[in-house]
Amino acid sequence: MKPGFFHLLVLFGAFSLLNQASFAQPASPVRPFQMTIMVSDLGRSIAWYKEMLGFGLSEKYNVAQQKSKNAILQLDGFFIELVQKENTCSRDLVNLPPDAEICGFFKAGFRVNDFENFHRQIKQLHPEQVTDIITSQISGSVYFYMVDPDQTMIQIFPSPNAKDPNPIKPYLVGIIVDNMESEINWYEQNLGYAFTQKWDVTAENQYVRLLVSGSFVVELRKEKINQVHTAGLQLPEGKTTLLGIQAMAFRVDNIQTYSETLKENKTPLLREITRIPAGRYTAFLEIEDAEKNPIRIIQ
C-alpha cells in the first residue's frame, strides 16, 4: 500500500453511505455497463480481480494500433476492461505541487453479502492491500477499502439485502471534480442521475455530492485546493496515460433516441453512433462529461 493511503481513507471515507434505501431513486434508462482501468501488468490484474472480487475472464486480445493488451472481466452483467500499455504512468511519479489534486475517476465501489466474512477472507489473502472495517463518524457508513496492484482504490459496502442472489454487485464510481455544479448538471441532464445528498466538511475543505439512479451512485468530491486536470499534468518523458480508472460505459436500449437527446442538450459527440458485429453490444457512441472524463454509451 502506497505511503499516505490510510490518510486518504480518512478524507474519502467520511462521505460514503451505509444504506441506499434512504436515498434510492428510480432507475434511469442509462445503466452502468463497464469500467475501463489502465494497469501495469495485465496478468497480475486479471488474477487480482478474479481472486478479490469474483470477476470471471470473458476474453483477452491485443490492439496492435494502440500497442495494448486488453482483457474483459465480467461479473453479473457488469464488465471491467483492463488495458496494459507501455506509455502508462503511476500517479506517484507525476510532478504535482504539494497542494494539488488530480481530477477524474478515482475509485470504484461494490456491495457484498456476508460483509464481515468477506472482509475477513480477503484480508487473509492480501492483508497489505485491505483496511480494517471503518465506521464513518459523519455518515455512520460501514465499509472498507482495498487497492488493486496499481493502487486503484476499491471501496466495499455491505449489501442491504443479505439474501441477494448476486453476492457482489457494482455500486459506485467516485470522481474528483473542479466545478461541482457543472458536473452535477451534466449527469442530471445527460445520464438521468438525481442529486440526493451532500456533505460539507468545511474544517477539511471537503465537499461531496451524491447522484443516484436505481442502485448505482456517482460520488463527486471536491477539495478547496489546486485542482489539476489530466491535460495539465507533467508526466515523465514517454508517458501519456495514468494508471487507474480511465472511463465509464453506460448501456441504453435505443442509442439512436439517446443520441438525439444528447444533441438536443447540445452535448458534443466525440464519436457518432458506430455499429459493430453482435457481441456484448452492437453499437456505441462516445462523449465526455463536463470535466472531460470519457464516457461511452452502448446498445
C-alpha atoms as a PDB file:
ATOM      1  CA  MET A   1       0.000   0.000   0.000  1.00  0.00           C
ATOM      2  CA  LYS A   2       1.497   3.339  -1.002  1.00  0.00           C
ATOM      3  CA  PRO A   3       2.505   5.931   1.648  1.00  0.00           C
ATOM      4  CA  GLY A   4      -0.345   8.159   2.723  1.00  0.00           C
ATOM      5  CA  PHE A   5      -3.053   5.671   1.739  1.00  0.00           C
ATOM      6  CA  PHE A   6      -4.609   5.475   5.209  1.00  0.00           C
ATOM      7  CA  HIS A   7      -4.620   9.280   5.397  1.00  0.00           C
ATOM      8  CA  LEU A   8      -6.618   9.339   2.165  1.00  0.00           C
ATOM      9  CA  LEU A   9      -9.141   6.974   3.708  1.00  0.00           C
ATOM     10  CA  VAL A  10      -9.874   9.476   6.448  1.00  0.00           C
ATOM     11  CA  LEU A  11     -10.561  12.119   3.812  1.00  0.00           C
ATOM     12  CA  PHE A  12     -12.570   9.959   1.414  1.00  0.00           C
ATOM     13  CA  GLY A  13     -14.422   7.713   3.812  1.00  0.00           C
ATOM     14  CA  ALA A  14     -16.385  10.325   5.692  1.00  0.00           C
ATOM     15  CA  PHE A  15     -18.836  10.697   2.827  1.00  0.00           C
ATOM     16  CA  SER A  16     -19.743   7.128   1.946  1.00  0.00           C
ATOM     17  CA  LEU A  17     -23.195   5.782   2.545  1.00  0.00           C
ATOM     18  CA  LEU A  18     -24.392   2.876   4.632  1.00  0.00           C
ATOM     19  CA  ASN A  19     -27.847   2.253   3.235  1.00  0.00           C
ATOM     20  CA  GLN A  20     -29.100   3.420  -0.110  1.00  0.00           C
ATOM     21  CA  ALA A  21     -32.721   2.859   0.925  1.00  0.00           C
ATOM     22  CA  SER A  22     -32.755   6.362   2.378  1.00  0.00           C
ATOM     23  CA  PHE A  23     -31.964   7.984  -0.986  1.00  0.00           C
ATOM     24  CA  ALA A  24     -32.956   5.458  -3.650  1.00  0.00           C
ATOM     25  CA  GLN A  25     -34.100   6.965  -6.942  1.00  0.00           C
ATOM     26  CA  PRO A  26     -35.954   5.475  -9.914  1.00  0.00           C
ATOM     27  CA  ALA A  27     -33.571   3.928 -12.409  1.00  0.00           C
ATOM     28  CA  SER A  28     -32.605   5.993 -15.439  1.00  0.00           C
ATOM     29  CA  PRO A  29     -32.762   4.346 -18.883  1.00  0.00           C
ATOM     30  CA  VAL A  30     -28.964   4.801 -18.825  1.00  0.00           C
ATOM     31  CA  ARG A  31     -27.456   1.909 -16.850  1.00  0.00           C
ATOM     32  CA  PRO A  32     -23.834   1.230 -15.765  1.00  0.00           C
ATOM     33  CA  PHE A  33     -22.169  -1.301 -18.043  1.00  0.00           C
ATOM     34  CA  GLN A  34     -18.358  -1.153 -17.935  1.00  0.00           C
ATOM     35  CA  MET A  35     -15.363   0.472 -16.236  1.00  0.00           C
ATOM     36  CA  THR A  36     -12.004   0.808 -18.002  1.00  0.00           C
ATOM     37  CA  ILE A  37      -8.880   0.538 -15.835  1.00  0.00           C
ATOM     38  CA  MET A  38      -5.313   1.064 -17.014  1.00  0.00           C
ATOM     39  CA  VAL A  39      -2.899  -1.460 -15.453  1.00  0.00           C
ATOM     40  CA  SER A  40       0.835  -2.118 -15.499  1.00  0.00           C
ATOM     41  CA  ASP A  41       0.695  -5.936 -15.607  1.00  0.00           C
ATOM     42  CA  LEU A  42      -2.358  -7.449 -17.277  1.00  0.00           C
ATOM     43  CA  GLY A  43      -1.929 -10.978 -15.958  1.00  0.00           C
ATOM     44  CA  ARG A  44      -1.417  -9.789 -12.397  1.00  0.00           C
ATOM     45  CA  SER A  45      -4.512  -7.581 -12.503  1.00  0.00           C
ATOM     46  CA  ILE A  46      -6.681 -10.303 -14.043  1.00  0.00           C
ATOM     47  CA  ALA A  47      -5.696 -12.631 -11.198  1.00  0.00           C
ATOM     48  CA  TRP A  48      -6.393  -9.948  -8.576  1.00  0.00           C
ATOM     49  CA  TYR A  49      -9.903  -9.054  -9.774  1.00  0.00           C
ATOM     50  CA  LYS A  50     -10.793 -12.735 -10.088  1.00  0.00           C
ATOM     51  CA  GLU A  51      -9.491 -13.576  -6.618  1.00  0.00           C
ATOM     52  CA  MET A  52     -10.629 -10.498  -4.705  1.00  0.00           C
ATOM     53  CA  LEU A  53     -13.961  -9.620  -6.363  1.00  0.00           C
ATOM     54  CA  GLY A  54     -15.001 -12.796  -8.143  1.00  0.00           C
ATOM     55  CA  PHE A  55     -14.864 -11.460 -11.709  1.00  0.00           C
ATOM     56  CA  GLY A  56     -14.577 -14.023 -14.487  1.00  0.00           C
ATOM     57  CA  LEU A  57     -12.373 -13.638 -17.551  1.00  0.00           C
ATOM     58  CA  SER A  58     -14.518 -13.205 -20.693  1.00  0.00           C
ATOM     59  CA  GLU A  59     -11.834 -12.518 -23.298  1.00  0.00           C
ATOM     60  CA  LYS A  60      -8.273 -11.368 -23.927  1.00  0.00           C
ATOM     61  CA  TYR A  61      -6.994  -9.631 -27.037  1.00  0.00           C
ATOM     62  CA  ASN A  62      -4.335  -7.252 -28.326  1.00  0.00           C
ATOM     63  CA  VAL A  63      -4.914  -3.960 -30.135  1.00  0.00           C
ATOM     64  CA  ALA A  64      -1.880  -3.529 -32.378  1.00  0.00           C
ATOM     65  CA  GLN A  65      -2.765   0.036 -33.400  1.00  0.00           C
ATOM     66  CA  GLN A  66      -2.781   1.134 -29.759  1.00  0.00           C
ATOM     67  CA  LYS A  67       0.060  -1.187 -28.710  1.00  0.00           C
ATOM     68  CA  SER A  68      -2.111  -2.508 -25.907  1.00  0.00           C
ATOM     69  CA  LYS A  69      -3.008  -5.795 -24.252  1.00  0.00           C
ATOM     70  CA  ASN A  70      -6.636  -5.965 -23.149  1.00  0.00           C
ATOM     71  CA  ALA A  71      -8.850  -8.210 -21.045  1.00  0.00           C
ATOM     72  CA  ILE A  72     -12.589  -8.138 -20.402  1.00  0.00           C
ATOM     73  CA  LEU A  73     -13.749  -9.334 -16.979  1.00  0.00           C
ATOM     74  CA  GLN A  74     -17.413  -9.947 -16.161  1.00  0.00           C
ATOM     75  CA  LEU A  75     -19.497 -10.098 -13.009  1.00  0.00           C
ATOM     76  CA  ASP A  76     -23.275 -10.476 -13.284  1.00  0.00           C
ATOM     77  CA  GLY A  77     -23.555  -8.383 -16.435  1.00  0.00           C
ATOM     78  CA  PHE A  78     -21.083  -5.675 -15.353  1.00  0.00           C
ATOM     79  CA  PHE A  79     -17.701  -5.560 -17.073  1.00  0.00           C
ATOM     80  CA  ILE A  80     -14.231  -4.334 -16.224  1.00  0.00           C
ATOM     81  CA  GLU A  81     -11.930  -3.655 -19.152  1.00  0.00           C
ATOM     82  CA  LEU A  82      -8.267  -3.939 -18.159  1.00  0.00           C
ATOM     83  CA  VAL A  83      -5.772  -2.275 -20.513  1.00  0.00           C
ATOM     84  CA  GLN A  84      -1.985  -2.573 -20.394  1.00  0.00           C
ATOM     85  CA  LYS A  85       0.026  -0.070 -22.466  1.00  0.00           C
ATOM     86  CA  GLU A  86       3.683   0.893 -22.475  1.00  0.00           C
ATOM     87  CA  ASN A  87       3.014   4.611 -22.006  1.00  0.00           C
ATOM     88  CA  THR A  88       1.191   4.393 -18.646  1.00  0.00           C
ATOM     89  CA  CYS A  89       2.446   6.104 -15.510  1.00  0.00           C
ATOM     90  CA  SER A  90       1.834   5.649 -11.793  1.00  0.00           C
ATOM     91  CA  ARG A  91       0.336   8.671 -10.045  1.00  0.00           C
ATOM     92  CA  ASP A  92       3.262   8.543  -7.607  1.00  0.00           C
ATOM     93  CA  LEU A  93       5.583   9.608 -10.456  1.00  0.00           C
ATOM     94  CA  VAL A  94       3.547  12.668 -11.502  1.00  0.00           C
ATOM     95  CA  ASN A  95       5.155  16.022 -10.755  1.00  0.00           C
ATOM     96  CA  LEU A  96       2.492  17.876  -8.745  1.00  0.00           C
ATOM     97  CA  PRO A  97       2.554  20.866  -6.414  1.00  0.00           C
ATOM     98  CA  PRO A  98       2.089  19.818  -2.759  1.00  0.00           C
ATOM     99  CA  ASP A  99      -1.435  21.300  -2.630  1.00  0.00           C
ATOM    100  CA  ALA A 100      -2.648  19.753  -5.906  1.00  0.00           C
ATOM    101  CA  GLU A 101      -5.202  17.032  -6.573  1.00  0.00           C
ATOM    102  CA  ILE A 102      -5.788  15.231  -9.871  1.00  0.00           C
ATOM    103  CA  CYS A 103      -9.325  15.466 -11.229  1.00  0.00           C
ATOM    104  CA  GLY A 104     -11.060  12.432 -12.691  1.00  0.00           C
ATOM    105  CA  PHE A 105     -12.274   8.954 -11.757  1.00  0.00           C
ATOM    106  CA  PHE A 106     -10.579   7.902  -8.522  1.00  0.00           C
ATOM    107  CA  LYS A 107     -12.416   4.920  -7.027  1.00  0.00           C
ATOM    108  CA  ALA A 108     -14.920   2.149  -7.666  1.00  0.00           C
ATOM    109  CA  GLY A 109     -17.408   0.763  -5.156  1.00  0.00           C
ATOM    110  CA  PHE A 110     -19.113  -2.620  -4.738  1.00  0.00           C
ATOM    111  CA  ARG A 111     -21.716  -4.057  -2.346  1.00  0.00           C
ATOM    112  CA  VAL A 112     -21.276  -7.547  -0.933  1.00  0.00           C
ATOM    113  CA  ASN A 113     -23.332 -10.065   1.008  1.00  0.00           C
ATOM    114  CA  ASP A 114     -21.907 -11.522   4.227  1.00  0.00           C
ATOM    115  CA  PHE A 115     -19.836  -8.355   4.602  1.00  0.00           C
ATOM    116  CA  GLU A 116     -17.762  -9.234   7.660  1.00  0.00           C
ATOM    117  CA  ASN A 117     -16.913 -12.729   6.454  1.00  0.00           C
ATOM    118  CA  PHE A 118     -15.989 -11.365   3.013  1.00  0.00           C
ATOM    119  CA  HIS A 119     -13.674  -8.836   4.658  1.00  0.00           C
ATOM    120  CA  ARG A 120     -12.037 -11.491   6.803  1.00  0.00           C
ATOM    121  CA  GLN A 121     -11.391 -13.782   3.844  1.00  0.00           C
ATOM    122  CA  ILE A 122      -9.815 -11.215   1.528  1.00  0.00           C
ATOM    123  CA  LYS A 123      -7.741  -9.639   4.274  1.00  0.00           C
ATOM    124  CA  GLN A 124      -6.212 -13.057   4.861  1.00  0.00           C
ATOM    125  CA  LEU A 125      -5.315 -13.197   1.158  1.00  0.00           C
ATOM    126  CA  HIS A 126      -3.693  -9.741   0.880  1.00  0.00           C
ATOM    127  CA  PRO A 127      -3.507  -8.027   4.289  1.00  0.00           C
ATOM    128  CA  GLU A 128      -1.295  -5.225   2.938  1.00  0.00           C
ATOM    129  CA  GLN A 129      -3.974  -4.234   0.404  1.00  0.00           C
ATOM    130  CA  VAL A 130      -7.064  -4.255   2.652  1.00  0.00           C
ATOM    131  CA  THR A 131      -8.002  -1.909   5.501  1.00  0.00           C
ATOM    132  CA  ASP A 132      -9.915  -2.758   8.648  1.00  0.00           C
ATOM    133  CA  ILE A 133     -13.671  -2.185   8.613  1.00  0.00           C
ATOM    134  CA  ILE A 134     -14.380   1.521   9.052  1.00  0.00           C
ATOM    135  CA  THR A 135     -17.424   3.281  10.522  1.00  0.00           C
ATOM    136  CA  SER A 136     -17.716   6.893   9.386  1.00  0.00           C
ATOM    137  CA  GLN A 137     -18.126   9.408  12.214  1.00  0.00           C
ATOM    138  CA  ILE A 138     -20.043  11.708   9.863  1.00  0.00           C
ATOM    139  CA  SER A 139     -22.445   9.471   7.947  1.00  0.00           C
ATOM    140  CA  GLY A 140     -22.486   6.308  10.069  1.00  0.00           C
ATOM    141  CA  SER A 141     -21.498   4.319   6.985  1.00  0.00           C
ATOM    142  CA  VAL A 142     -19.741   0.970   7.295  1.00  0.00           C
ATOM    143  CA  TYR A 143     -17.191   0.000   4.641  1.00  0.00           C
ATOM    144  CA  PHE A 144     -13.589  -0.889   3.995  1.00  0.00           C
ATOM    145  CA  TYR A 145     -11.090  -0.147   1.265  1.00  0.00           C
ATOM    146  CA  MET A 146      -8.704  -2.211  -0.743  1.00  0.00           C
ATOM    147  CA  VAL A 147      -6.277  -1.265  -3.504  1.00  0.00           C
ATOM    148  CA  ASP A 148      -5.522  -3.282  -6.604  1.00  0.00           C
ATOM    149  CA  PRO A 149      -1.897  -3.971  -7.676  1.00  0.00           C
ATOM    150  CA  ASP A 150      -1.649  -0.489  -9.232  1.00  0.00           C
ATOM    151  CA  GLN A 151      -3.160   1.290  -6.190  1.00  0.00           C
ATOM    152  CA  THR A 152      -6.601   1.820  -7.769  1.00  0.00           C
ATOM    153  CA  MET A 153      -8.982   2.356  -4.859  1.00  0.00           C
ATOM    154  CA  ILE A 154     -11.880  -0.075  -4.360  1.00  0.00           C
ATOM    155  CA  GLN A 155     -14.495   0.607  -1.652  1.00  0.00           C
ATOM    156  CA  ILE A 156     -16.632  -2.235  -0.294  1.00  0.00           C
ATOM    157  CA  PHE A 157     -20.049  -1.780   1.364  1.00  0.00           C
ATOM    158  CA  PRO A 158     -22.464  -4.273   2.941  1.00  0.00           C
ATOM    159  CA  SER A 159     -25.446  -5.207   0.796  1.00  0.00           C
ATOM    160  CA  PRO A 160     -28.809  -4.018   2.162  1.00  0.00           C
ATOM    161  CA  ASN A 161     -30.242  -7.417   1.175  1.00  0.00           C
ATOM    162  CA  ALA A 162     -28.270 -10.276   2.716  1.00  0.00           C
ATOM    163  CA  LYS A 163     -30.213 -12.758   0.563  1.00  0.00           C
ATOM    164  CA  ASP A 164     -29.420 -11.061  -2.740  1.00  0.00           C
ATOM    165  CA  PRO A 165     -28.669 -13.856  -5.247  1.00  0.00           C
ATOM    166  CA  ASN A 166     -25.723 -11.811  -6.562  1.00  0.00           C
ATOM    167  CA  PRO A 167     -23.163 -11.753  -3.712  1.00  0.00           C
ATOM    168  CA  ILE A 168     -21.106  -8.890  -5.235  1.00  0.00           C
ATOM    169  CA  LYS A 169     -22.671  -6.005  -7.184  1.00  0.00           C
ATOM    170  CA  PRO A 170     -21.263  -2.790  -8.697  1.00  0.00           C
ATOM    171  CA  TYR A 171     -22.404   0.168  -6.642  1.00  0.00           C
ATOM    172  CA  LEU A 172     -20.399   3.362  -7.143  1.00  0.00           C
ATOM    173  CA  VAL A 173     -17.892   5.372  -9.119  1.00  0.00           C
ATOM    174  CA  GLY A 174     -16.097   8.297  -7.492  1.00  0.00           C
ATOM    175  CA  ILE A 175     -14.970  11.399  -9.394  1.00  0.00           C
ATOM    176  CA  ILE A 176     -12.749  14.231  -8.169  1.00  0.00           C
ATOM    177  CA  VAL A 177     -14.038  17.441  -9.752  1.00  0.00           C
ATOM    178  CA  ASP A 178     -13.062  21.041 -10.263  1.00  0.00           C
ATOM    179  CA  ASN A 179     -16.504  22.561 -10.945  1.00  0.00           C
ATOM    180  CA  MET A 180     -19.066  20.725  -8.824  1.00  0.00           C
ATOM    181  CA  GLU A 181     -22.199  22.411 -10.163  1.00  0.00           C
ATOM    182  CA  SER A 182     -21.415  21.881 -13.842  1.00  0.00           C
ATOM    183  CA  GLU A 183     -20.668  18.204 -13.203  1.00  0.00           C
ATOM    184  CA  ILE A 184     -23.932  17.723 -11.275  1.00  0.00           C
ATOM    185  CA  ASN A 185     -25.872  19.384 -14.082  1.00  0.00           C
ATOM    186  CA  TRP A 186     -24.188  17.215 -16.711  1.00  0.00           C
ATOM    187  CA  TYR A 187     -25.041  13.900 -15.026  1.00  0.00           C
ATOM    188  CA  GLU A 188     -28.588  15.013 -14.334  1.00  0.00           C
ATOM    189  CA  GLN A 189     -29.186  16.232 -17.875  1.00  0.00           C
ATOM    190  CA  ASN A 190     -27.347  13.579 -19.888  1.00  0.00           C
ATOM    191  CA  LEU A 191     -27.459  10.387 -17.812  1.00  0.00           C
ATOM    192  CA  GLY A 192     -30.639  10.927 -15.812  1.00  0.00           C
ATOM    193  CA  TYR A 193     -28.966  10.788 -12.384  1.00  0.00           C
ATOM    194  CA  ALA A 194     -30.619  12.627  -9.496  1.00  0.00           C
ATOM    195  CA  PHE A 195     -28.782  14.706  -6.885  1.00  0.00           C
ATOM    196  CA  THR A 196     -29.713  13.248  -3.493  1.00  0.00           C
ATOM    197  CA  GLN A 197     -27.268  14.004  -0.696  1.00  0.00           C
ATOM    198  CA  LYS A 198     -24.312  16.174   0.210  1.00  0.00           C
ATOM    199  CA  TRP A 199     -21.705  16.572   2.899  1.00  0.00           C
ATOM    200  CA  ASP A 200     -19.675  19.720   3.516  1.00  0.00           C
ATOM    201  CA  VAL A 201     -16.783  19.338   5.940  1.00  0.00           C
ATOM    202  CA  THR A 202     -15.543  22.893   5.938  1.00  0.00           C
ATOM    203  CA  ALA A 203     -12.814  22.270   8.515  1.00  0.00           C
ATOM    204  CA  GLU A 204     -11.191  19.923   5.996  1.00  0.00           C
ATOM    205  CA  ASN A 205     -12.261  21.939   2.930  1.00  0.00           C
ATOM    206  CA  GLN A 206     -14.040  18.865   1.568  1.00  0.00           C
ATOM    207  CA  TYR A 207     -17.315  18.888  -0.348  1.00  0.00           C
ATOM    208  CA  VAL A 208     -19.148  15.819  -1.625  1.00  0.00           C
ATOM    209  CA  ARG A 209     -22.318  15.384  -3.671  1.00  0.00           C
ATOM    210  CA  LEU A 210     -24.095  12.106  -4.454  1.00  0.00           C
ATOM    211  CA  LEU A 211     -26.127  11.416  -7.578  1.00  0.00           C
ATOM    212  CA  VAL A 212     -28.154   8.238  -7.826  1.00  0.00           C
ATOM    213  CA  SER A 213     -30.006   6.226 -10.430  1.00  0.00           C
ATOM    214  CA  GLY A 214     -31.565   2.958  -9.323  1.00  0.00           C
ATOM    215  CA  SER A 215     -28.870   1.084  -7.426  1.00  0.00           C
ATOM    216  CA  PHE A 216     -25.803   2.939  -8.740  1.00  0.00           C
ATOM    217  CA  VAL A 217     -24.144   6.043  -7.280  1.00  0.00           C
ATOM    218  CA  VAL A 218     -21.953   8.730  -8.825  1.00  0.00           C
ATOM    219  CA  GLU A 219     -19.976  10.344  -5.986  1.00  0.00           C
ATOM    220  CA  LEU A 220     -18.489  13.760  -6.759  1.00  0.00           C
ATOM    221  CA  ARG A 221     -15.782  15.105  -4.464  1.00  0.00           C
ATOM    222  CA  LYS A 222     -14.023  18.471  -4.368  1.00  0.00           C
ATOM    223  CA  GLU A 223     -11.450  19.988  -2.058  1.00  0.00           C
ATOM    224  CA  LYS A 224     -10.574  23.648  -1.799  1.00  0.00           C
ATOM    225  CA  ILE A 225      -7.084  23.084  -3.123  1.00  0.00           C
ATOM    226  CA  ASN A 226      -5.401  23.285  -6.504  1.00  0.00           C
ATOM    227  CA  GLN A 227      -7.375  21.083  -8.910  1.00  0.00           C
ATOM    228  CA  VAL A 228      -5.311  19.728 -11.808  1.00  0.00           C
ATOM    229  CA  HIS A 229      -6.894  18.168 -14.882  1.00  0.00           C
ATOM    230  CA  THR A 230      -5.095  15.330 -16.635  1.00  0.00           C
ATOM    231  CA  ALA A 231      -4.446  17.540 -19.674  1.00  0.00           C
ATOM    232  CA  GLY A 232      -2.335  19.797 -17.448  1.00  0.00           C
ATOM    233  CA  LEU A 233      -0.220  17.089 -15.824  1.00  0.00           C
ATOM    234  CA  GLN A 234       3.542  16.931 -16.204  1.00  0.00           C
ATOM    235  CA  LEU A 235       4.162  13.245 -16.855  1.00  0.00           C
ATOM    236  CA  PRO A 236       7.601  11.625 -17.146  1.00  0.00           C
ATOM    237  CA  GLU A 237       9.073  11.549 -20.642  1.00  0.00           C
ATOM    238  CA  GLY A 238       7.395   8.970 -22.855  1.00  0.00           C
ATOM    239  CA  LYS A 239       4.344   8.603 -20.581  1.00  0.00           C
ATOM    240  CA  THR A 240       0.909   9.814 -21.682  1.00  0.00           C
ATOM    241  CA  THR A 241      -1.672   7.999 -19.533  1.00  0.00           C
ATOM    242  CA  LEU A 242      -2.160   7.471 -15.802  1.00  0.00           C
ATOM    243  CA  LEU A 243      -2.753   4.071 -14.279  1.00  0.00           C
ATOM    244  CA  GLY A 244      -6.203   3.653 -12.748  1.00  0.00           C
ATOM    245  CA  ILE A 245      -9.822   4.176 -13.794  1.00  0.00           C
ATOM    246  CA  GLN A 246      -9.952   5.981 -17.127  1.00  0.00           C
ATOM    247  CA  ALA A 247     -13.511   5.671 -18.448  1.00  0.00           C
ATOM    248  CA  MET A 248     -17.064   4.519 -17.776  1.00  0.00           C
ATOM    249  CA  ALA A 249     -19.568   2.955 -20.158  1.00  0.00           C
ATOM    250  CA  PHE A 250     -23.356   3.000 -19.793  1.00  0.00           C
ATOM    251  CA  ARG A 251     -25.998   0.968 -21.629  1.00  0.00           C
ATOM    252  CA  VAL A 252     -29.170   2.291 -23.266  1.00  0.00           C
ATOM    253  CA  ASP A 253     -31.967   0.415 -25.036  1.00  0.00           C
ATOM    254  CA  ASN A 254     -32.184   2.792 -28.030  1.00  0.00           C
ATOM    255  CA  ILE A 255     -28.918   4.500 -28.890  1.00  0.00           C
ATOM    256  CA  GLN A 256     -30.450   6.483 -31.764  1.00  0.00           C
ATOM    257  CA  THR A 257     -33.026   8.118 -29.477  1.00  0.00           C
ATOM    258  CA  TYR A 258     -30.352   8.753 -26.862  1.00  0.00           C
ATOM    259  CA  SER A 259     -28.070  10.362 -29.470  1.00  0.00           C
ATOM    260  CA  GLU A 260     -30.875  12.731 -30.458  1.00  0.00           C
ATOM    261  CA  THR A 261     -31.366  13.651 -26.790  1.00  0.00           C
ATOM    262  CA  LEU A 262     -27.666  14.459 -26.446  1.00  0.00           C
ATOM    263  CA  LYS A 263     -27.837  16.732 -29.479  1.00  0.00           C
ATOM    264  CA  GLU A 264     -30.903  18.483 -28.066  1.00  0.00           C
ATOM    265  CA  ASN A 265     -28.882  19.023 -24.870  1.00  0.00           C
ATOM    266  CA  LYS A 266     -26.055  20.443 -27.019  1.00  0.00           C
ATOM    267  CA  THR A 267     -23.734  17.731 -25.674  1.00  0.00           C
ATOM    268  CA  PRO A 268     -20.910  17.202 -28.202  1.00  0.00           C
ATOM    269  CA  LEU A 269     -20.463  13.678 -29.561  1.00  0.00           C
ATOM    270  CA  LEU A 270     -16.777  12.804 -29.787  1.00  0.00           C
ATOM    271  CA  ARG A 271     -17.762   9.804 -31.863  1.00  0.00           C
ATOM    272  CA  GLU A 272     -21.082   9.365 -33.610  1.00  0.00           C
ATOM    273  CA  ILE A 273     -23.015   6.093 -33.437  1.00  0.00           C
ATOM    274  CA  THR A 274     -20.783   3.264 -34.619  1.00  0.00           C
ATOM    275  CA  ARG A 275     -22.289  -0.116 -35.459  1.00  0.00           C
ATOM    276  CA  ILE A 276     -20.306  -3.281 -34.737  1.00  0.00           C
ATOM    277  CA  PRO A 277     -20.963  -7.023 -35.150  1.00  0.00           C
ATOM    278  CA  ALA A 278     -23.111  -8.615 -32.453  1.00  0.00           C
ATOM    279  CA  GLY A 279     -21.258  -9.270 -29.219  1.00  0.00           C
ATOM    280  CA  ARG A 280     -21.516  -7.745 -25.770  1.00  0.00           C
ATOM    281  CA  TYR A 281     -23.111  -4.772 -27.555  1.00  0.00           C
ATOM    282  CA  THR A 282     -23.935  -3.824 -31.137  1.00  0.00           C
ATOM    283  CA  ALA A 283     -23.449  -0.048 -31.277  1.00  0.00           C
ATOM    284  CA  PHE A 284     -21.713   2.713 -29.332  1.00  0.00           C
ATOM    285  CA  LEU A 285     -21.031   6.433 -29.249  1.00  0.00           C
ATOM    286  CA  GLU A 286     -18.513   8.439 -27.217  1.00  0.00           C
ATOM    287  CA  ILE A 287     -18.913  11.631 -25.189  1.00  0.00           C
ATOM    288  CA  GLU A 288     -17.221  13.401 -22.269  1.00  0.00           C
ATOM    289  CA  ASP A 289     -18.748  14.660 -19.059  1.00  0.00           C
ATOM    290  CA  ALA A 290     -18.417  18.306 -18.015  1.00  0.00           C
ATOM    291  CA  GLU A 291     -14.819  17.730 -16.866  1.00  0.00           C
ATOM    292  CA  LYS A 292     -13.776  15.741 -19.960  1.00  0.00           C
ATOM    293  CA  ASN A 293     -13.930  12.310 -18.323  1.00  0.00           C
ATOM    294  CA  PRO A 294     -14.518   9.746 -21.119  1.00  0.00           C
ATOM    295  CA  ILE A 295     -17.986   8.209 -21.282  1.00  0.00           C
ATOM    296  CA  ARG A 296     -19.044   5.520 -23.766  1.00  0.00           C
ATOM    297  CA  ILE A 297     -22.718   4.832 -24.435  1.00  0.00           C
ATOM    298  CA  ILE A 298     -23.520   1.356 -25.777  1.00  0.00           C
ATOM    299  CA  GLN A 299     -26.558  -0.548 -27.003  1.00  0.00           C
END
